[in-house]
Amino acid sequence: MAEKQKILIVDDDENIAELISLYLTKECYETKIVGDGEEALAVFPVFKPNLVLLDLMLPGIDGYQVCRELRASSQVPIIMLSAKGEIFDKVLGLELGADDYMIKPFDSKELVARVKAVLRRYQAVPQTPEPAGSDQKGQYVEFPDLIVNLTNYSVIYNGHSIEMPPKELELLYFLASSPNQVFTREQLLDHIWGYEYIGDTRTVDVHIKRLREKIKDHEKWALTTVWGIGYKFEVKR
């Protein structure tokens, strides 16, 4: 029998946390509830969750700081929960490494659907990345000093494996698969996140920014902004 996937629920509102736990338990997930950021950081390495549902407004260490600290050592998927619906808060959460952002109050079915969608993306990521220089198989694109493999979700840059959340890798692969073609933010949002994704086009900007922090422009290629339109993977002649 397959082992249950574990979800850490970090929320100081006991009623909301218990309700979320009930929904997820019905879907056969194992859950654990903690009420503050400090406890979340202490429990995380012991519980070893497959996903974290993280409220932003926590006593003591807030959700933003918890996200920062988790991302410093782990790529575990994080869905932020917040009563704040401003674009600034969403973008900040995504910039810190969150995979999704839900505004309270939310529909229980939508929460479960988002959890399943994020976990599906991460299940495709191999636990142990292939060593640099290994033979590539499946769907991949290759440029000088860069290999992006969609089959095993690996990125090799300058001979080294780069850790990258699935959506960042999918975005890079999509752009690199059509070199020099310009895509609008709306097109990228539709292709990578899907029509069902309820998001803002700034989500694309945030992911491009994170890609640029990990992969610097090369003399032969670059992630280029086409002002007023969108982005392209530019291959230089």
Protein backbone atom coordinates (compact mmCIF):
# COMPACT_ATOMS: atom_id res chain seq x y z
CA MET A 1 0.00 0.00 0.00
CA ALA A 2 1.36 3.41 -0.98
CA GLU A 3 2.49 5.64 1.87
CA LYS A 4 0.24 8.61 2.53
CA GLN A 5 1.52 12.00 1.46
CA LYS A 6 2.04 14.34 4.40
CA ILE A 7 0.87 17.93 4.62
CA LEU A 8 1.99 20.40 7.28
CA ILE A 9 -0.71 22.98 8.07
CA VAL A 10 0.67 26.16 9.64
CA ASP A 11 -2.17 28.39 10.87
CA ASP A 12 -2.89 30.02 14.22
CA ASP A 13 -6.65 29.88 13.62
CA GLU A 14 -7.54 26.48 15.09
CA ASN A 15 -10.96 26.33 13.46
CA ILE A 16 -9.59 26.96 9.96
CA ALA A 17 -6.68 24.57 10.51
CA GLU A 18 -8.96 21.78 11.71
CA LEU A 19 -11.32 22.33 8.77
CA ILE A 20 -8.43 22.16 6.28
CA SER A 21 -7.15 19.02 8.00
CA LEU A 22 -10.60 17.42 7.73
CA TYR A 23 -10.83 18.11 3.99
CA LEU A 24 -7.36 16.74 3.33
CA THR A 25 -7.79 13.69 5.57
CA LYS A 26 -10.88 12.79 3.54
CA GLU A 27 -8.60 12.82 0.48
CA CYS A 28 -6.28 10.35 2.25
CA TYR A 29 -3.51 12.79 3.15
CA GLU A 30 -1.77 12.66 6.51
CA THR A 31 -1.84 16.08 8.17
CA LYS A 32 -0.15 17.84 11.07
CA ILE A 33 -1.24 21.21 12.46
CA VAL A 34 1.07 23.79 14.07
CA GLY A 35 0.05 27.23 15.28
CA ASP A 36 3.11 29.44 14.82
CA GLY A 37 6.19 29.91 12.67
CA GLU A 38 8.74 28.82 15.25
CA GLU A 39 6.96 25.52 15.80
CA ALA A 40 6.65 25.04 12.03
CA LEU A 41 10.42 25.33 11.56
CA ALA A 42 11.03 22.91 14.43
CA VAL A 43 8.49 20.33 13.22
CA PHE A 44 9.37 20.50 9.51
CA PRO A 45 12.57 18.36 9.55
CA VAL A 46 10.93 15.78 11.82
CA PHE A 47 7.54 15.47 10.09
CA LYS A 48 9.12 15.72 6.59
CA PRO A 49 5.96 16.89 4.78
CA ASN A 50 5.38 16.57 1.05
CA LEU A 51 3.72 20.01 1.06
CA VAL A 52 3.28 22.97 3.43
CA LEU A 53 0.11 25.06 3.72
CA LEU A 54 1.43 28.27 5.24
CA ASP A 55 -0.64 31.11 6.69
CA LEU A 56 1.08 34.50 6.43
CA MET A 57 -0.23 36.16 9.58
CA LEU A 58 1.37 34.09 12.32
CA PRO A 59 2.38 35.07 15.87
CA GLY A 60 6.14 35.58 16.28
CA ILE A 61 7.83 34.55 13.04
CA ASP A 62 5.46 35.39 10.17
CA GLY A 63 4.77 33.25 7.13
CA TYR A 64 7.10 35.20 4.87
CA GLN A 65 10.08 34.49 7.15
CA VAL A 66 9.08 30.83 7.52
CA CYS A 67 9.02 30.56 3.72
CA ARG A 68 12.47 32.17 3.47
CA GLU A 69 13.95 29.74 5.99
CA LEU A 70 12.34 26.67 4.45
CA ARG A 71 13.54 27.66 0.99
CA ALA A 72 17.11 28.02 2.28
CA SER A 73 17.28 24.25 2.78
CA SER A 74 14.36 22.64 0.94
CA GLN A 75 12.39 22.72 -2.31
CA VAL A 76 9.26 21.25 -0.70
CA PRO A 77 6.15 22.83 -2.28
CA ILE A 78 4.55 25.69 -0.30
CA ILE A 79 1.05 27.10 -0.75
CA MET A 80 0.56 30.39 1.08
CA LEU A 81 -2.78 31.19 2.70
CA SER A 82 -3.71 34.78 3.46
CA ALA A 83 -6.57 37.17 4.02
CA LYS A 84 -4.45 39.72 2.11
CA GLY A 85 -5.53 39.87 -1.50
CA GLU A 86 -3.31 42.68 -2.77
CA ILE A 87 -1.09 41.93 -5.77
CA PHE A 88 1.97 43.09 -3.76
CA ASP A 89 1.42 40.36 -1.17
CA LYS A 90 0.95 37.66 -3.84
CA VAL A 91 4.07 38.72 -5.72
CA LEU A 92 6.15 38.90 -2.54
CA GLY A 93 5.04 35.40 -1.59
CA LEU A 94 5.97 34.04 -5.02
CA GLU A 95 9.31 35.85 -4.98
CA LEU A 96 10.15 34.17 -1.69
CA GLY A 97 9.59 30.78 -3.29
CA ALA A 98 5.94 29.90 -2.71
CA ASP A 99 4.37 27.71 -5.40
CA ASP A 100 0.85 29.06 -5.06
CA TYR A 101 -1.12 31.66 -3.11
CA MET A 102 -4.73 31.36 -1.91
CA ILE A 103 -6.86 34.13 -0.46
CA LYS A 104 -9.08 33.48 2.54
CA PRO A 105 -11.88 32.63 2.65
CA PHE A 106 -11.42 29.93 0.03
CA ASP A 107 -13.53 27.06 -1.27
CA SER A 108 -12.54 23.68 0.16
CA LYS A 109 -12.73 21.98 -3.25
CA GLU A 110 -10.42 24.58 -4.77
CA LEU A 111 -7.92 24.14 -1.93
CA VAL A 112 -7.84 20.37 -2.44
CA ALA A 113 -7.51 20.84 -6.22
CA ARG A 114 -4.57 23.23 -5.78
CA VAL A 115 -2.87 20.84 -3.34
CA LYS A 116 -3.24 17.96 -5.80
CA ALA A 117 -1.99 20.07 -8.72
CA VAL A 118 1.13 21.24 -6.89
CA LEU A 119 1.93 17.74 -5.64
CA ARG A 120 1.50 16.30 -9.16
CA ARG A 121 4.11 18.72 -10.47
CA TYR A 122 6.58 17.82 -7.75
CA GLN A 123 6.12 14.08 -8.14
CA ALA A 124 7.77 14.40 -11.55
CA VAL A 125 10.95 15.74 -9.98
CA PRO A 126 13.58 13.05 -9.31
CA GLN A 127 14.76 12.79 -5.72
CA THR A 128 18.37 12.46 -6.82
CA PRO A 129 19.35 14.63 -9.79
CA GLU A 130 21.47 13.12 -12.49
CA PRO A 131 25.15 13.97 -12.15
CA ALA A 132 26.54 16.64 -14.42
CA GLY A 133 27.69 15.32 -17.76
CA SER A 134 25.39 12.27 -17.78
CA ASP A 135 23.75 11.21 -21.04
CA GLN A 136 20.45 12.96 -21.65
CA LYS A 137 17.31 11.04 -22.64
CA GLY A 138 13.72 12.00 -23.37
CA GLN A 139 12.52 15.56 -23.91
CA TYR A 140 15.34 18.04 -23.56
CA VAL A 141 16.88 21.11 -25.13
CA GLU A 142 20.60 21.76 -25.21
CA PHE A 143 22.58 24.95 -25.71
CA PRO A 144 26.19 25.85 -24.85
CA ASP A 145 26.59 25.28 -21.07
CA LEU A 146 22.86 24.61 -20.61
CA ILE A 147 20.73 21.45 -20.76
CA VAL A 148 17.08 21.53 -19.71
CA ASN A 149 15.51 18.06 -19.48
CA LEU A 150 11.72 17.95 -19.13
CA THR A 151 11.59 14.15 -18.84
CA ASN A 152 13.57 13.90 -15.61
CA TYR A 153 13.10 17.56 -14.57
CA SER A 154 16.79 18.37 -14.44
CA VAL A 155 18.79 21.45 -15.40
CA ILE A 156 22.53 21.33 -15.99
CA TYR A 157 24.16 24.76 -16.16
CA ASN A 158 27.92 25.22 -16.57
CA GLY A 159 28.38 21.53 -15.78
CA HIS A 160 26.43 21.62 -12.50
CA SER A 161 22.93 20.41 -11.61
CA ILE A 162 20.68 23.34 -10.65
CA GLU A 163 17.79 22.81 -8.22
CA MET A 164 14.66 24.33 -9.68
CA PRO A 165 10.94 24.05 -8.80
CA PRO A 166 8.84 22.43 -11.57
CA LYS A 167 7.13 25.59 -12.81
CA GLU A 168 10.46 27.44 -13.22
CA LEU A 169 11.88 24.50 -15.16
CA GLU A 170 8.76 24.18 -17.32
CA LEU A 171 8.88 27.89 -18.12
CA LEU A 172 12.57 27.73 -19.05
CA TYR A 173 12.02 24.61 -21.18
CA PHE A 174 9.03 26.14 -22.98
CA LEU A 175 10.91 29.32 -23.88
CA ALA A 176 14.11 27.46 -24.83
CA SER A 177 12.12 25.04 -27.03
CA SER A 178 11.14 27.96 -29.27
CA PRO A 179 14.32 30.06 -29.45
CA ASN A 180 13.90 33.69 -30.53
CA GLN A 181 10.09 33.43 -30.42
CA VAL A 182 8.40 36.13 -28.35
CA PHE A 183 5.64 35.07 -25.95
CA THR A 184 3.30 37.42 -24.10
CA ARG A 185 2.83 37.01 -20.36
CA GLU A 186 -0.73 35.82 -21.00
CA GLN A 187 0.51 33.13 -23.41
CA LEU A 188 3.09 31.91 -20.91
CA LEU A 189 0.53 31.89 -18.09
CA ASP A 190 -1.82 29.81 -20.25
CA HIS A 191 0.86 27.37 -21.47
CA ILE A 192 2.63 26.80 -18.16
CA TRP A 193 -0.04 27.32 -15.51
CA GLY A 194 -3.07 26.37 -17.58
CA TYR A 195 -6.36 28.10 -18.25
CA GLU A 196 -7.72 27.00 -14.88
CA TYR A 197 -5.02 28.91 -13.01
CA ILE A 198 -6.48 31.95 -11.27
CA GLY A 199 -3.47 34.20 -11.21
CA ASP A 200 -1.92 37.46 -12.28
CA THR A 201 0.49 37.87 -15.19
CA ARG A 202 3.06 39.15 -12.67
CA THR A 203 3.41 35.51 -11.67
CA VAL A 204 5.36 35.11 -14.92
CA ASP A 205 7.61 38.08 -14.07
CA VAL A 206 8.39 36.59 -10.67
CA HIS A 207 9.38 33.23 -12.16
CA ILE A 208 11.53 34.89 -14.84
CA LYS A 209 13.28 36.87 -12.09
CA ARG A 210 13.99 33.67 -10.15
CA LEU A 211 15.30 31.96 -13.29
CA ARG A 212 17.68 34.85 -13.94
CA GLU A 213 19.04 34.57 -10.41
CA LYS A 214 19.99 30.94 -11.09
CA ILE A 215 20.91 31.09 -14.79
CA LYS A 216 22.93 34.06 -15.99
CA ASP A 217 22.91 35.22 -19.60
CA HIS A 218 25.42 33.44 -21.83
CA GLU A 219 27.37 34.86 -24.76
CA LYS A 220 25.36 32.51 -27.01
CA TRP A 221 21.90 32.81 -25.41
CA ALA A 222 19.86 34.84 -22.93
CA LEU A 223 16.44 35.16 -21.29
CA THR A 224 15.37 38.43 -22.85
CA THR A 225 12.60 40.86 -21.95
CA VAL A 226 10.71 42.24 -24.95
CA TRP A 227 9.42 45.48 -23.48
CA GLY A 228 5.67 45.93 -23.62
CA ILE A 229 5.14 42.37 -24.88
CA GLY A 230 6.75 39.58 -22.87
CA TYR A 231 9.80 37.33 -23.00
CA LYS A 232 11.89 35.17 -25.32
CA PHE A 233 14.84 32.80 -25.13
CA GLU A 234 17.23 34.63 -27.41
CA VAL A 235 19.86 32.62 -29.25
CA LYS A 236 22.67 34.87 -30.47
CA ARG A 237 24.16 34.26 -33.87
